[in-house]
Amino acid sequence: MSVDELKQCLHREVIGQENKPFSWGKAIHSAYKKPKKRYVFWWRLANFLYLSNRRYRQKLAKRINRNLFFKYNTEIELGTQIGAGLTIGHQAGIVISRRCTIGENFTVRQNTTIGLKSDNSNTITIGNNVNIGANSCIISEHIVIGDNVTIGAGAFVNHDIPANSTYHSVNQFCIRPKE
């Protein structure tokens, strides 16, 4: 990730005024004034430092990410590739594996897990404009979710989802009245 990509992400996700030029002062001020933007600001900065492949920067990045986890109960692992436009509905109980490649305009809500069954060379690929509802779980060995996909609340995903679709799980464990 380059400095320009970091600025683009912060400009879009934290400042929000894309018609005005980027400045670090605006980014810091916006992160300070808008509590919902703080996590994204600090995670983007930590991920940038981690991807720089310099040992002292990676150590600082890990420390920032650990503090973010304890404060917000959200763990987006360092090294995760997420395009500009990350939106987190509520920072509670979100876990995203570093083996994920996620496109632009990604929205995720509370208590969502995106991960692999085993931590090896497999990956999860999520396209652009994907919206994931609360309490969802995306776990598989290798999975591809296309562009413009909406995943409903409480969904369990363990297979590919084609582009331009809506996905929800059918509740198999519903309570039925006695006959």
Protein backbone atom coordinates (compact mmCIF):
# COMPACT_ATOMS: atom_id res chain seq x y z
CA MET A 1 0.00 0.00 0.00
CA SER A 2 1.39 3.39 -0.96
CA VAL A 3 0.98 6.68 0.90
CA ASP A 4 -1.38 7.90 -1.86
CA GLU A 5 -3.62 4.84 -1.39
CA LEU A 6 -3.63 5.45 2.38
CA LYS A 7 -4.62 9.08 1.83
CA GLN A 8 -7.38 8.05 -0.59
CA CYS A 9 -8.81 5.59 1.94
CA LEU A 10 -8.66 8.06 4.83
CA HIS A 11 -10.13 10.82 2.67
CA ARG A 12 -13.07 8.67 1.69
CA GLU A 13 -13.68 6.82 4.97
CA VAL A 14 -12.73 9.30 7.67
CA ILE A 15 -12.99 12.82 6.22
CA GLY A 16 -15.83 12.12 3.82
CA GLN A 17 -15.53 15.36 1.84
CA GLU A 18 -14.17 14.05 -1.43
CA ASN A 19 -14.64 17.35 -3.27
CA LYS A 20 -12.06 19.05 -1.01
CA PRO A 21 -8.33 18.22 -0.99
CA PHE A 22 -6.88 15.80 1.57
CA SER A 23 -4.97 17.03 4.59
CA TRP A 24 -3.63 15.14 7.58
CA GLY A 25 -5.08 17.80 9.87
CA LYS A 26 -8.59 17.17 8.52
CA ALA A 27 -8.15 13.40 8.87
CA ILE A 28 -6.97 13.63 12.48
CA HIS A 29 -9.65 16.20 13.37
CA SER A 30 -12.38 14.06 11.81
CA ALA A 31 -11.17 10.93 13.60
CA TYR A 32 -11.11 12.85 16.88
CA LYS A 33 -14.57 14.38 16.46
CA LYS A 34 -16.33 11.31 15.00
CA PRO A 35 -15.94 8.27 17.27
CA LYS A 36 -17.27 5.85 14.61
CA LYS A 37 -14.40 6.89 12.31
CA ARG A 38 -11.60 6.39 14.88
CA TYR A 39 -11.30 2.65 14.46
CA VAL A 40 -11.02 2.88 10.66
CA PHE A 41 -8.45 5.71 10.93
CA TRP A 42 -6.18 3.82 13.31
CA TRP A 43 -6.59 0.46 11.56
CA ARG A 44 -5.72 1.97 8.17
CA LEU A 45 -2.63 3.58 9.68
CA ALA A 46 -1.57 0.34 11.44
CA ASN A 47 -2.14 -1.73 8.29
CA PHE A 48 -0.06 0.75 6.26
CA LEU A 49 2.79 0.47 8.78
CA TYR A 50 2.52 -3.33 8.83
CA LEU A 51 2.65 -3.64 5.04
CA SER A 52 5.78 -1.43 4.87
CA ASN A 53 7.88 -4.52 5.78
CA ARG A 54 10.11 -2.65 8.20
CA ARG A 55 10.48 -4.39 11.51
CA TYR A 56 10.12 -1.34 13.78
CA ARG A 57 7.02 -0.19 11.86
CA GLN A 58 5.47 -3.66 12.04
CA LYS A 59 6.05 -3.77 15.77
CA LEU A 60 4.28 -0.43 16.19
CA ALA A 61 1.46 -1.60 13.89
CA LYS A 62 0.92 -4.73 15.98
CA ARG A 63 0.78 -2.65 19.13
CA ILE A 64 -1.79 -0.26 17.61
CA ASN A 65 -3.90 -3.19 16.37
CA ARG A 66 -3.78 -4.91 19.77
CA ASN A 67 -4.97 -1.71 21.46
CA LEU A 68 -7.76 -1.38 18.89
CA PHE A 69 -8.88 -4.93 19.65
CA PHE A 70 -9.06 -4.27 23.39
CA LYS A 71 -10.89 -0.97 22.94
CA TYR A 72 -13.36 -1.85 20.16
CA ASN A 73 -13.57 -5.68 20.32
CA THR A 74 -12.95 -5.77 16.58
CA GLU A 75 -10.11 -7.73 15.01
CA ILE A 76 -9.29 -7.05 11.41
CA GLU A 77 -5.92 -8.76 11.10
CA LEU A 78 -2.99 -6.75 9.79
CA GLY A 79 -2.20 -7.61 6.19
CA THR A 80 -5.85 -7.78 5.14
CA GLN A 81 -6.35 -6.04 1.81
CA ILE A 82 -9.46 -3.85 1.87
CA GLY A 83 -10.22 -1.28 -0.82
CA ALA A 84 -11.32 2.29 -0.13
CA GLY A 85 -14.80 2.75 1.28
CA LEU A 86 -14.69 0.48 4.35
CA THR A 87 -17.75 1.06 6.56
CA ILE A 88 -18.20 -0.63 9.93
CA GLY A 89 -21.75 -0.38 11.25
CA HIS A 90 -20.91 -1.19 14.88
CA GLN A 91 -17.44 -2.11 16.11
CA ALA A 92 -18.35 -5.13 18.19
CA GLY A 93 -17.33 -8.71 17.59
CA ILE A 94 -15.99 -8.36 14.05
CA VAL A 95 -13.22 -10.77 13.01
CA ILE A 96 -11.65 -10.68 9.53
CA SER A 97 -8.75 -12.94 8.53
CA ARG A 98 -5.59 -11.54 6.96
CA ARG A 99 -6.09 -13.97 4.06
CA CYS A 100 -8.97 -11.83 2.74
CA THR A 101 -8.89 -9.62 -0.31
CA ILE A 102 -11.84 -7.24 -0.18
CA GLY A 103 -12.87 -4.70 -2.82
CA GLU A 104 -14.13 -1.14 -2.51
CA ASN A 105 -17.27 0.04 -0.68
CA PHE A 106 -17.32 -2.83 1.80
CA THR A 107 -19.87 -2.61 4.62
CA VAL A 108 -19.76 -4.97 7.59
CA ARG A 109 -21.86 -5.02 10.75
CA GLN A 110 -21.43 -6.31 14.29
CA ASN A 111 -20.67 -9.91 15.25
CA THR A 112 -19.46 -10.91 11.80
CA THR A 113 -16.70 -13.45 11.18
CA ILE A 114 -14.85 -13.81 7.90
CA GLY A 115 -12.22 -16.52 8.04
CA LEU A 116 -10.79 -19.81 6.86
CA LYS A 117 -11.27 -23.32 8.24
CA SER A 118 -7.49 -23.73 8.35
CA ASP A 119 -4.80 -21.08 8.16
CA ASN A 120 -2.90 -22.01 5.00
CA SER A 121 -2.53 -20.62 1.49
CA ASN A 122 -6.30 -20.49 0.79
CA THR A 123 -7.97 -17.12 0.47
CA ILE A 124 -11.32 -15.38 0.66
CA THR A 125 -12.05 -12.94 -2.15
CA ILE A 126 -14.87 -10.43 -1.73
CA GLY A 127 -15.77 -8.07 -4.57
CA ASN A 128 -16.78 -4.40 -4.70
CA ASN A 129 -19.98 -3.00 -3.16
CA VAL A 130 -20.57 -5.91 -0.77
CA ASN A 131 -22.86 -5.42 2.22
CA ILE A 132 -22.76 -7.96 5.07
CA GLY A 133 -25.50 -8.03 7.71
CA ALA A 134 -25.09 -8.49 11.44
CA ASN A 135 -24.26 -11.88 12.98
CA SER A 136 -23.05 -13.33 9.69
CA CYS A 137 -20.36 -15.97 9.30
CA ILE A 138 -18.28 -16.53 6.16
CA ILE A 139 -16.03 -19.55 6.63
CA SER A 140 -14.60 -21.85 3.98
CA GLU A 141 -11.35 -23.16 2.52
CA HIS A 142 -11.53 -21.00 -0.59
CA ILE A 143 -14.45 -18.74 -1.39
CA VAL A 144 -15.28 -15.99 -3.89
CA ILE A 145 -18.07 -13.49 -3.31
CA GLY A 146 -18.84 -11.39 -6.38
CA ASP A 147 -19.50 -7.67 -6.81
CA ASN A 148 -22.75 -6.03 -5.66
CA VAL A 149 -23.70 -8.78 -3.20
CA THR A 150 -25.87 -8.33 -0.12
CA ILE A 151 -25.57 -10.96 2.60
CA GLY A 152 -28.46 -10.93 5.05
CA ALA A 153 -28.25 -10.82 8.82
CA GLY A 154 -27.49 -14.13 10.49
CA ALA A 155 -26.29 -15.78 7.28
CA PHE A 156 -23.82 -18.64 7.20
CA VAL A 157 -21.80 -18.67 3.98
CA ASN A 158 -19.52 -21.58 3.05
CA HIS A 159 -19.69 -21.48 -0.76
CA ASP A 160 -19.24 -18.99 -3.60
CA ILE A 161 -21.85 -16.29 -4.19
CA PRO A 162 -22.23 -14.92 -7.73
CA ALA A 163 -22.17 -11.19 -8.49
CA ASN A 164 -25.33 -9.06 -8.30
CA SER A 165 -27.17 -11.30 -5.86
CA THR A 166 -28.70 -11.36 -2.40
CA TYR A 167 -27.92 -14.21 -0.02
CA HIS A 168 -29.57 -15.30 3.21
CA SER A 169 -29.58 -18.51 5.20
CA VAL A 170 -32.73 -20.49 5.82
CA ASN A 171 -33.17 -21.08 9.52
CA GLN A 172 -33.32 -24.85 9.93
CA PHE A 173 -33.64 -24.78 13.70
CA CYS A 174 -36.91 -22.92 14.15
CA ILE A 175 -39.23 -23.65 17.01
CA ARG A 176 -42.39 -25.37 15.85
CA PRO A 177 -45.57 -25.70 17.87
CA LYS A 178 -46.45 -29.16 19.17
CA GLU A 179 -49.02 -31.04 17.16
